[in-house]
């Protein structure tokens, strides 16, 4: 539909329906870009009113408020409501004030306003577009979000609009008459050591799933504490966040320790405070959890760091204390080193995790096995393996599911009594 045809269609619409200046101007929003929709609407209506007045047309339309006609006879109600927006733009300041009250307890620099128009608004706008066309039109939700954002900036002049990564996103749902907020998470990168047996992340009770029951002594947890819990408690106290998500570069077993500084990112959801002293945070975590965990290199990062950390493949160095059924001979230990160093082993998914992981056979490289100490049936070994290798099964053999293993080479049934992750090496640097 051409411009002239659009104008003629608009005349017919304005003769039967009242459209406010904004809803009229929004039909031509792509024209005169330095002009607001309200100014466009006034200009269009003024032009059409002059044409109507000059031709002495008799019309019943009510879209020409505040225009004095000399010849045309138009009867309008004093308080007519816009057929599209129901005069919602008159309440822009009211919505901006409501939003500012919601946000007053949050520290943030940037925001973004989103709008969900009512079903009635959308239906009437689409009907209008069918009659006039959409070549130059702008959706009502875009103007509402923009104008409410501009009004909020008047109330909070130290803030900025950010379309890519706002600290807070506000969504106004006109259908449900509800305002909701989404606070961008805060991401803190670091490395941890674990000196006490515990899971890496919060482990909820499998019976009550966190609500509390007799099985978990009404704690809601299977394990009293985790690396995540110990870090989370202090971080939430400083950021006033709601909860956290823990993203680790892999994880060690609950009964394994970590002395090699495992990387992690802890995500703080809905933080009210975004400016934090990470060094002071680090010191407080370490002081309160001495003998349990230790963290270092805490740094504020972006969300992208989570993917980087979780996708990182690192070869690992372990120290394990093992125990066998029979005494370990030095010659047998040497044979283990010779047969496993720089060799590929086949590991079928261990029986202990088969219930939650696909039953596959995976090939993994063992860089070396070194016997550090042998005392009868017990020994201390150091092992460096490719990422994803199951060390306990490398020792025990897991009833033949790992081939070869220390047990199969020694012809001596062995198990791991204590396991410590001693170091991490990026695969490309190994």
Protein backbone atom coordinates (compact mmCIF):
# COMPACT_ATOMS: atom_id res chain seq x y z
CA UNK A 1 0.00 0.00 0.00
CA UNK A 2 1.41 3.38 -1.00
CA UNK A 3 1.61 6.46 1.22
CA UNK A 4 -1.41 8.17 -0.39
CA UNK A 5 -3.51 5.05 0.03
CA UNK A 6 -2.44 4.80 3.66
CA UNK A 7 -3.55 8.38 4.30
CA UNK A 8 -6.94 7.76 2.66
CA UNK A 9 -7.42 4.64 4.79
CA UNK A 10 -6.45 6.60 7.87
CA UNK A 11 -9.13 9.21 7.11
CA UNK A 12 -11.80 6.51 7.14
CA UNK A 13 -10.49 5.04 10.38
CA UNK A 14 -10.27 8.38 12.15
CA UNK A 15 -13.85 9.06 11.07
CA UNK A 16 -15.11 6.10 13.09
CA UNK A 17 -12.53 5.54 15.84
CA UNK A 18 -10.52 7.71 18.17
CA UNK A 19 -6.77 7.22 17.99
CA UNK A 20 -4.47 9.22 20.25
CA UNK A 21 -1.62 11.17 18.72
CA UNK A 22 0.95 8.49 19.61
CA UNK A 23 -1.01 5.60 18.09
CA UNK A 24 -1.66 7.68 14.97
CA UNK A 25 1.96 8.76 14.61
CA UNK A 26 3.24 5.23 15.24
CA UNK A 27 1.70 4.15 11.91
CA UNK A 28 4.34 6.33 10.22
CA UNK A 29 7.17 5.78 12.73
CA UNK A 30 9.80 5.04 10.06
CA UNK A 31 9.35 8.51 8.51
CA UNK A 32 11.02 11.66 9.87
CA UNK A 33 13.26 9.77 12.25
CA UNK A 34 14.07 12.83 14.35
CA UNK A 35 10.39 13.23 15.23
CA UNK A 36 8.50 11.49 18.05
CA UNK A 37 5.36 9.46 17.36
CA UNK A 38 3.35 12.02 19.29
CA UNK A 39 4.67 14.81 17.05
CA UNK A 40 3.96 12.75 13.94
CA UNK A 41 0.41 12.12 15.13
CA UNK A 42 -0.21 15.81 15.75
CA UNK A 43 1.21 16.71 12.32
CA UNK A 44 -0.86 14.08 10.49
CA UNK A 45 -4.08 14.97 12.31
CA UNK A 46 -3.53 18.69 11.76
CA UNK A 47 -3.00 18.14 8.03
CA UNK A 48 -6.09 15.94 7.73
CA UNK A 49 -8.15 18.35 9.81
CA UNK A 50 -7.19 21.23 7.50
CA UNK A 51 -8.25 19.16 4.51
CA UNK A 52 -11.56 18.26 6.15
CA UNK A 53 -12.23 21.85 7.18
CA UNK A 54 -11.41 23.22 3.74
CA UNK A 55 -13.79 20.80 2.03
CA UNK A 56 -16.52 21.40 4.61
CA UNK A 57 -16.87 17.67 5.09
CA UNK A 58 -19.39 16.46 7.61
CA UNK A 59 -17.84 13.68 9.65
CA UNK A 60 -18.60 12.02 12.94
CA UNK A 61 -14.98 11.20 13.85
CA UNK A 62 -13.58 12.13 17.25
CA UNK A 63 -9.85 12.04 16.51
CA UNK A 64 -9.40 15.80 16.20
CA UNK A 65 -9.36 16.95 19.80
CA UNK A 66 -7.90 20.38 20.55
CA UNK A 67 -8.41 21.41 16.90
CA UNK A 68 -10.87 24.20 16.23
CA UNK A 69 -12.79 23.73 12.97
CA UNK A 70 -14.27 26.72 11.14
CA UNK A 71 -16.44 24.89 8.62
CA UNK A 72 -16.49 21.22 9.55
CA UNK A 73 -18.98 20.14 12.16
CA UNK A 74 -17.51 17.49 14.44
CA UNK A 75 -19.00 16.36 17.69
CA UNK A 76 -16.54 14.72 20.13
CA UNK A 77 -16.74 13.51 23.69
CA UNK A 78 -14.42 15.39 26.01
CA UNK A 79 -12.86 12.26 27.56
CA UNK A 80 -12.65 9.80 24.67
CA UNK A 81 -10.15 6.94 25.12
CA UNK A 82 -7.80 5.77 22.40
CA UNK A 83 -9.17 2.70 20.67
CA UNK A 84 -5.70 1.09 20.54
CA UNK A 85 -3.85 1.93 23.76
CA UNK A 86 -6.75 2.97 26.00
CA UNK A 87 -4.68 6.06 26.86
CA UNK A 88 -1.97 3.96 28.50
CA UNK A 89 0.67 6.53 27.52
CA UNK A 90 -0.87 8.94 30.01
CA UNK A 91 0.37 6.61 32.73
CA UNK A 92 4.02 6.44 31.62
CA UNK A 93 5.24 8.40 34.63
CA UNK A 94 3.20 6.22 36.98
CA UNK A 95 4.85 3.07 35.64
CA UNK A 96 8.31 4.63 35.82
CA UNK A 97 7.74 5.54 39.48
CA UNK A 98 6.57 2.00 40.28
CA UNK A 99 9.70 0.58 38.65
CA UNK A 100 11.99 2.96 40.52
CA UNK A 101 10.48 1.74 43.80
CA UNK A 102 11.11 -1.87 42.83
CA UNK A 103 14.74 -1.11 41.95
CA UNK A 104 15.64 1.16 44.86
CA UNK A 105 17.21 -1.67 46.90
CA UNK A 106 19.41 -2.87 44.01
CA UNK A 107 22.84 -1.66 43.00
CA UNK A 108 23.01 -1.44 39.20
CA UNK A 109 24.31 0.72 36.38
CA UNK A 110 22.32 -0.42 33.36
CA UNK A 111 18.76 -1.53 32.70
CA UNK A 112 16.37 -2.51 29.92
CA UNK A 113 12.60 -2.20 29.77
CA UNK A 114 10.52 -4.93 28.13
CA UNK A 115 6.79 -4.78 27.49
CA UNK A 116 4.09 -7.39 26.94
CA UNK A 117 1.00 -5.57 25.57
CA UNK A 118 -2.46 -6.80 26.48
CA UNK A 119 -4.16 -9.19 24.06
CA UNK A 120 -6.68 -6.46 23.28
CA UNK A 121 -3.92 -3.97 22.35
CA UNK A 122 -2.27 -6.50 20.05
CA UNK A 123 -5.54 -7.50 18.39
CA UNK A 124 -6.63 -3.92 17.72
CA UNK A 125 -3.18 -2.90 16.49
CA UNK A 126 -3.06 -5.83 14.07
CA UNK A 127 -6.56 -4.96 12.77
CA UNK A 128 -5.35 -1.39 12.18
CA UNK A 129 -2.30 -2.64 10.29
CA UNK A 130 -4.51 -4.80 8.07
CA UNK A 131 -6.41 -1.69 6.99
CA UNK A 132 -3.49 0.72 6.67
CA UNK A 133 -0.37 -1.41 6.23
CA UNK A 134 2.82 -1.88 8.24
CA UNK A 135 5.41 -0.40 5.86
CA UNK A 136 6.20 2.54 8.15
CA UNK A 137 4.68 1.24 11.41
CA UNK A 138 6.22 0.53 14.79
CA UNK A 139 4.71 -1.98 17.28
CA UNK A 140 3.15 -0.45 20.38
CA UNK A 141 5.40 -2.51 22.67
CA UNK A 142 8.49 -0.81 21.27
CA UNK A 143 7.17 2.68 21.93
CA UNK A 144 5.93 1.76 25.39
CA UNK A 145 9.28 0.27 26.42
CA UNK A 146 11.18 3.24 24.99
CA UNK A 147 8.98 5.91 26.61
CA UNK A 148 8.90 4.20 30.01
CA UNK A 149 12.68 3.85 29.81
CA UNK A 150 13.08 7.55 29.03
CA UNK A 151 10.86 8.47 31.96
CA UNK A 152 12.82 6.17 34.28
CA UNK A 153 16.04 7.90 33.23
CA UNK A 154 14.55 11.19 34.43
CA UNK A 155 13.96 9.64 37.85
CA UNK A 156 17.31 7.78 37.90
CA UNK A 157 19.64 9.96 35.80
CA UNK A 158 22.79 8.06 36.85
CA UNK A 159 21.60 4.88 35.09
CA UNK A 160 21.91 3.85 31.43
CA UNK A 161 19.93 1.74 28.99
CA UNK A 162 21.80 -1.34 27.77
CA UNK A 163 20.29 -3.52 25.01
CA UNK A 164 22.88 -6.32 25.21
CA UNK A 165 23.77 -7.10 28.84
CA UNK A 166 21.73 -4.95 31.24
CA UNK A 167 22.26 -5.41 34.96
CA UNK A 168 18.48 -5.51 35.41
CA UNK A 169 15.68 -6.19 32.93
CA UNK A 170 12.18 -5.00 33.81
CA UNK A 171 9.18 -6.57 32.08
CA UNK A 172 5.78 -4.86 32.25
CA UNK A 173 2.94 -7.26 31.45
CA UNK A 174 -0.12 -5.17 30.60
CA UNK A 175 -2.24 -8.29 30.18
CA UNK A 176 -1.66 -9.38 33.79
CA UNK A 177 -1.01 -5.86 35.12
CA UNK A 178 2.27 -7.12 36.57
CA UNK A 179 5.84 -5.82 36.71
CA UNK A 180 8.65 -8.35 37.04
CA UNK A 181 12.40 -7.96 37.19
CA UNK A 182 15.29 -10.14 36.08
CA UNK A 183 18.60 -9.33 37.73
CA UNK A 184 21.71 -10.34 35.79
CA UNK A 185 23.75 -12.86 37.73
CA UNK A 186 27.15 -11.99 39.16
CA UNK A 187 29.97 -14.36 38.18
CA UNK A 188 33.04 -14.92 40.34
CA UNK A 189 35.93 -17.01 39.05
CA UNK A 190 38.43 -18.69 41.33
CA UNK A 191 40.33 -21.85 42.24
CA UNK A 192 39.77 -24.07 45.25
CA UNK A 193 41.48 -26.73 47.30
CA UNK A 194 39.47 -29.23 49.34
CA UNK A 195 41.07 -30.58 52.52
CA UNK A 196 38.06 -32.44 53.94
CA UNK A 197 35.82 -35.08 52.40
CA UNK A 198 32.67 -33.44 51.03
CA UNK A 199 30.85 -33.04 47.70
CA UNK A 200 31.68 -30.18 45.39
CA UNK A 201 28.10 -28.91 45.15
CA UNK A 202 25.06 -28.85 47.40
CA UNK A 203 23.62 -32.36 47.63
CA UNK A 204 19.92 -32.41 48.53
CA UNK A 205 18.28 -35.27 50.39
CA UNK A 206 17.01 -37.84 47.88
CA UNK A 207 13.87 -38.44 49.96
CA UNK A 208 12.58 -34.90 50.55
CA UNK A 209 14.53 -33.06 47.82
CA UNK A 210 15.49 -30.25 50.16
CA UNK A 211 12.29 -29.70 52.14
CA UNK A 212 13.51 -31.56 55.25
CA UNK A 213 12.54 -34.98 56.62
CA UNK A 214 13.52 -37.55 59.25
CA UNK A 215 15.97 -39.22 56.87
CA UNK A 216 18.10 -36.05 56.65
CA UNK A 217 17.39 -34.88 60.22
CA UNK A 218 15.28 -32.11 58.63
CA UNK A 219 18.29 -30.42 57.05
CA UNK A 220 17.09 -31.09 53.50
CA UNK A 221 20.58 -32.34 52.61
CA UNK A 222 22.29 -35.65 52.13
CA UNK A 223 25.63 -34.11 53.11
CA UNK A 224 25.92 -31.39 55.72
CA UNK A 225 28.23 -29.19 53.68
CA UNK A 226 29.91 -28.86 50.30
CA UNK A 227 32.52 -26.68 48.65
CA UNK A 228 29.66 -24.66 47.17
CA UNK A 229 27.94 -24.22 50.55
CA UNK A 230 31.06 -22.95 52.28
CA UNK A 231 31.79 -20.41 49.55
CA UNK A 232 28.15 -19.48 49.02
CA UNK A 233 27.43 -18.53 52.60
CA UNK A 234 29.94 -15.69 52.61
CA UNK A 235 29.30 -14.54 49.04
CA UNK A 236 25.54 -14.29 49.57
CA UNK A 237 26.13 -12.31 52.75
CA UNK A 238 28.18 -9.74 50.82
CA UNK A 239 26.10 -9.59 47.62
CA UNK A 240 22.67 -10.07 49.21
CA UNK A 241 21.94 -12.54 46.45
CA UNK A 242 19.21 -15.20 46.55
CA UNK A 243 21.22 -18.35 45.79
CA UNK A 244 24.21 -19.60 43.78
CA UNK A 245 25.08 -22.05 41.03
CA UNK A 246 28.49 -23.71 41.11
CA UNK A 247 30.29 -24.35 37.81
CA UNK A 248 33.45 -26.42 38.26
CA UNK A 249 36.16 -27.53 35.84
CA UNK A 250 35.23 -31.12 36.55
CA UNK A 251 34.87 -32.52 40.05
CA UNK A 252 36.57 -34.95 42.38
CA UNK A 253 34.76 -37.71 44.27
CA UNK A 254 33.29 -36.88 47.65
CA UNK A 255 35.97 -38.93 49.42
CA UNK A 256 38.80 -37.48 47.31
CA UNK A 257 40.73 -34.37 48.30
CA UNK A 258 42.03 -31.62 46.04
CA UNK A 259 45.39 -29.93 46.55
CA UNK A 260 45.89 -28.84 42.94
CA UNK A 261 43.64 -25.76 42.75
CA UNK A 262 40.58 -26.70 40.70
CA UNK A 263 39.04 -23.85 38.68
CA UNK A 264 35.43 -22.82 39.23
CA UNK A 265 32.93 -20.05 38.61
CA UNK A 266 30.25 -19.39 41.20
CA UNK A 267 27.14 -17.67 39.85
CA UNK A 268 25.26 -15.41 42.25
CA UNK A 269 21.60 -15.12 41.32
CA UNK A 270 19.72 -11.83 41.86
CA UNK A 271 22.49 -9.94 43.67
CA UNK A 272 21.47 -6.66 45.28
CA UNK A 273 25.11 -5.57 45.61
CA UNK A 274 27.36 -5.83 42.55
CA UNK A 275 30.46 -3.98 43.77
CA UNK A 276 32.44 -6.30 46.03
CA UNK A 277 36.00 -6.53 47.28
CA UNK A 278 37.00 -9.97 45.98
CA UNK A 279 40.27 -10.00 47.94
CA UNK A 280 38.45 -9.36 51.20
CA UNK A 281 35.93 -12.01 50.17
CA UNK A 282 38.75 -14.48 49.54
CA UNK A 283 40.32 -13.80 52.92
CA UNK A 284 37.00 -14.22 54.75
CA UNK A 285 36.23 -17.54 53.03
CA UNK A 286 39.67 -18.92 53.86
CA UNK A 287 39.61 -17.70 57.45
CA UNK A 288 36.20 -19.16 58.21
CA UNK A 289 36.84 -22.50 56.47
CA UNK A 290 40.42 -23.21 57.52
CA UNK A 291 41.13 -26.94 57.29
CA UNK A 292 38.10 -27.52 55.06
CA UNK A 293 38.62 -25.55 51.86
CA UNK A 294 40.79 -22.73 50.52
CA UNK A 295 40.20 -20.42 47.55
CA UNK A 296 42.44 -18.09 45.56
CA UNK A 297 42.48 -15.83 42.49
CA UNK A 298 38.87 -14.69 42.98
CA UNK A 299 37.91 -12.37 40.12
CA UNK A 300 34.68 -10.90 38.76
CA UNK A 301 34.09 -12.32 35.27
CA UNK A 302 31.42 -12.46 32.57
CA UNK A 303 28.98 -15.30 31.92
CA UNK A 304 31.18 -16.54 29.06
CA UNK A 305 33.76 -17.70 31.61
CA UNK A 306 31.36 -20.45 32.74
CA UNK A 307 31.46 -22.18 29.37
CA UNK A 308 35.23 -21.81 29.19
CA UNK A 309 35.74 -23.42 32.59
CA UNK A 310 33.23 -26.24 32.13
CA UNK A 311 34.55 -27.16 28.67
CA UNK A 312 38.19 -27.12 29.74
CA UNK A 313 39.88 -30.50 29.41
CA UNK A 314 42.80 -30.94 31.75
CA UNK A 315 45.11 -33.84 32.40
CA UNK A 316 45.41 -34.56 36.09
CA UNK A 317 48.09 -35.62 38.53
CA UNK A 318 46.96 -37.73 41.50
CA UNK A 319 48.53 -39.07 44.64
CA UNK A 320 46.89 -42.25 45.86
CA UNK A 321 47.36 -44.45 48.88
CA UNK A 322 46.54 -48.00 47.84
CA UNK A 323 46.16 -51.30 49.66
CA UNK A 324 46.40 -54.79 48.18
CA UNK A 325 45.49 -58.27 49.42
CA UNK A 326 49.12 -59.47 49.16
CA UNK A 327 52.45 -57.74 49.66
CA UNK A 328 53.63 -55.58 46.80
CA UNK A 329 57.05 -56.53 45.41
CA UNK A 330 59.38 -53.91 43.97
CA UNK A 331 59.81 -55.90 40.74
CA UNK A 332 56.03 -56.02 40.31
CA UNK A 333 55.84 -52.26 40.88
CA UNK A 334 58.43 -51.72 38.14
CA UNK A 335 56.40 -53.92 35.81
CA UNK A 336 53.33 -51.75 36.48
CA UNK A 337 55.29 -48.63 35.57
CA UNK A 338 56.63 -50.25 32.39
CA UNK A 339 53.24 -51.55 31.23
CA UNK A 340 51.21 -48.42 32.02
CA UNK A 341 53.53 -45.49 31.32
CA UNK A 342 52.43 -43.69 28.11
CA UNK A 343 49.88 -46.41 27.42
CA UNK A 344 46.20 -46.36 26.45
CA UNK A 345 43.76 -48.16 28.72
CA UNK A 346 40.11 -49.10 28.06
CA UNK A 347 37.62 -48.11 30.72
CA UNK A 348 34.03 -49.24 30.66
CA UNK A 349 31.77 -46.94 32.66
CA UNK A 350 32.48 -47.84 36.32
CA UNK A 351 29.82 -49.89 38.08
CA UNK A 352 29.57 -47.24 40.81
CA UNK A 353 28.36 -44.57 38.37
CA UNK A 354 26.68 -46.80 35.79
CA UNK A 355 23.23 -45.85 37.12
CA UNK A 356 23.69 -42.23 36.01
CA UNK A 357 26.03 -42.45 33.01
CA UNK A 358 25.90 -44.20 29.66
CA UNK A 359 27.55 -47.63 29.72
CA UNK A 360 30.36 -47.01 27.24
CA UNK A 361 33.96 -48.07 26.79
CA UNK A 362 36.30 -45.09 26.71
CA UNK A 363 40.00 -45.07 25.89
CA UNK A 364 42.19 -42.93 28.10
CA UNK A 365 45.93 -42.30 28.19
CA UNK A 366 48.04 -42.97 31.28
CA UNK A 367 51.12 -40.77 31.11
CA UNK A 368 52.82 -42.42 34.06
CA UNK A 369 52.42 -44.39 37.27
CA UNK A 370 55.16 -43.97 39.91
CA UNK A 371 55.48 -45.89 43.14
CA UNK A 372 56.63 -43.36 45.75
CA UNK A 373 56.60 -45.73 48.73
CA UNK A 374 55.96 -49.43 49.29
CA UNK A 375 55.24 -50.87 52.76
CA UNK A 376 54.05 -54.45 52.55
CA UNK A 377 50.50 -54.49 51.25
CA UNK A 378 50.33 -50.71 51.11
CA UNK A 379 51.87 -48.22 48.74
CA UNK A 380 51.75 -44.57 47.77
CA UNK A 381 51.67 -43.87 44.05
CA UNK A 382 51.62 -40.80 41.78
CA UNK A 383 49.61 -41.02 38.56
CA UNK A 384 49.24 -38.63 35.64
CA UNK A 385 46.35 -39.37 33.30
CA UNK A 386 44.27 -37.93 30.51
CA UNK A 387 41.13 -35.99 31.46
CA UNK A 388 38.23 -38.29 32.26
CA UNK A 389 40.23 -41.22 33.61
CA UNK A 390 38.77 -43.06 36.61
CA UNK A 391 41.69 -43.51 39.01
CA UNK A 392 39.99 -45.82 41.51
CA UNK A 393 39.15 -48.21 38.69
CA UNK A 394 42.65 -47.88 37.20
CA UNK A 395 43.83 -49.35 40.53
CA UNK A 396 41.08 -51.89 41.23
CA UNK A 397 40.22 -52.95 37.70
CA UNK A 398 36.51 -52.81 38.58
CA UNK A 399 35.99 -56.54 37.96
CA UNK A 400 37.65 -56.30 34.55
CA UNK A 401 35.82 -53.18 33.36
CA UNK A 402 39.16 -51.29 33.26
CA UNK A 403 41.90 -53.00 31.23
CA UNK A 404 44.74 -53.14 32.10
CA UNK A 405 44.79 -52.08 35.75
CA UNK A 406 47.24 -52.20 38.64
CA UNK A 407 45.35 -55.17 40.04
CA UNK A 408 45.52 -57.14 36.80
CA UNK A 409 49.22 -56.43 36.25
CA UNK A 410 50.14 -57.19 39.86
CA UNK A 411 47.81 -60.21 39.96
CA UNK A 412 46.90 -58.75 43.31
CA UNK A 413 43.51 -57.27 44.22
CA UNK A 414 44.05 -53.59 45.11
CA UNK A 415 41.94 -50.62 46.17
CA UNK A 416 42.39 -46.91 46.80
CA UNK A 417 42.22 -45.84 50.45
CA UNK A 418 42.97 -42.17 49.89
CA UNK A 419 43.03 -40.04 46.76
CA UNK A 420 44.33 -36.50 46.32
CA UNK A 421 44.21 -34.42 43.15
CA UNK A 422 47.67 -32.86 43.09
CA UNK A 423 47.67 -30.86 39.88
CA UNK A 424 45.98 -29.88 36.62
CA UNK A 425 47.58 -29.38 33.20
CA UNK A 426 45.78 -28.08 30.13
CA UNK A 427 45.85 -30.76 27.46
CA UNK A 428 47.61 -28.56 24.90
CA UNK A 429 50.43 -27.88 27.37
CA UNK A 430 50.93 -31.49 28.43
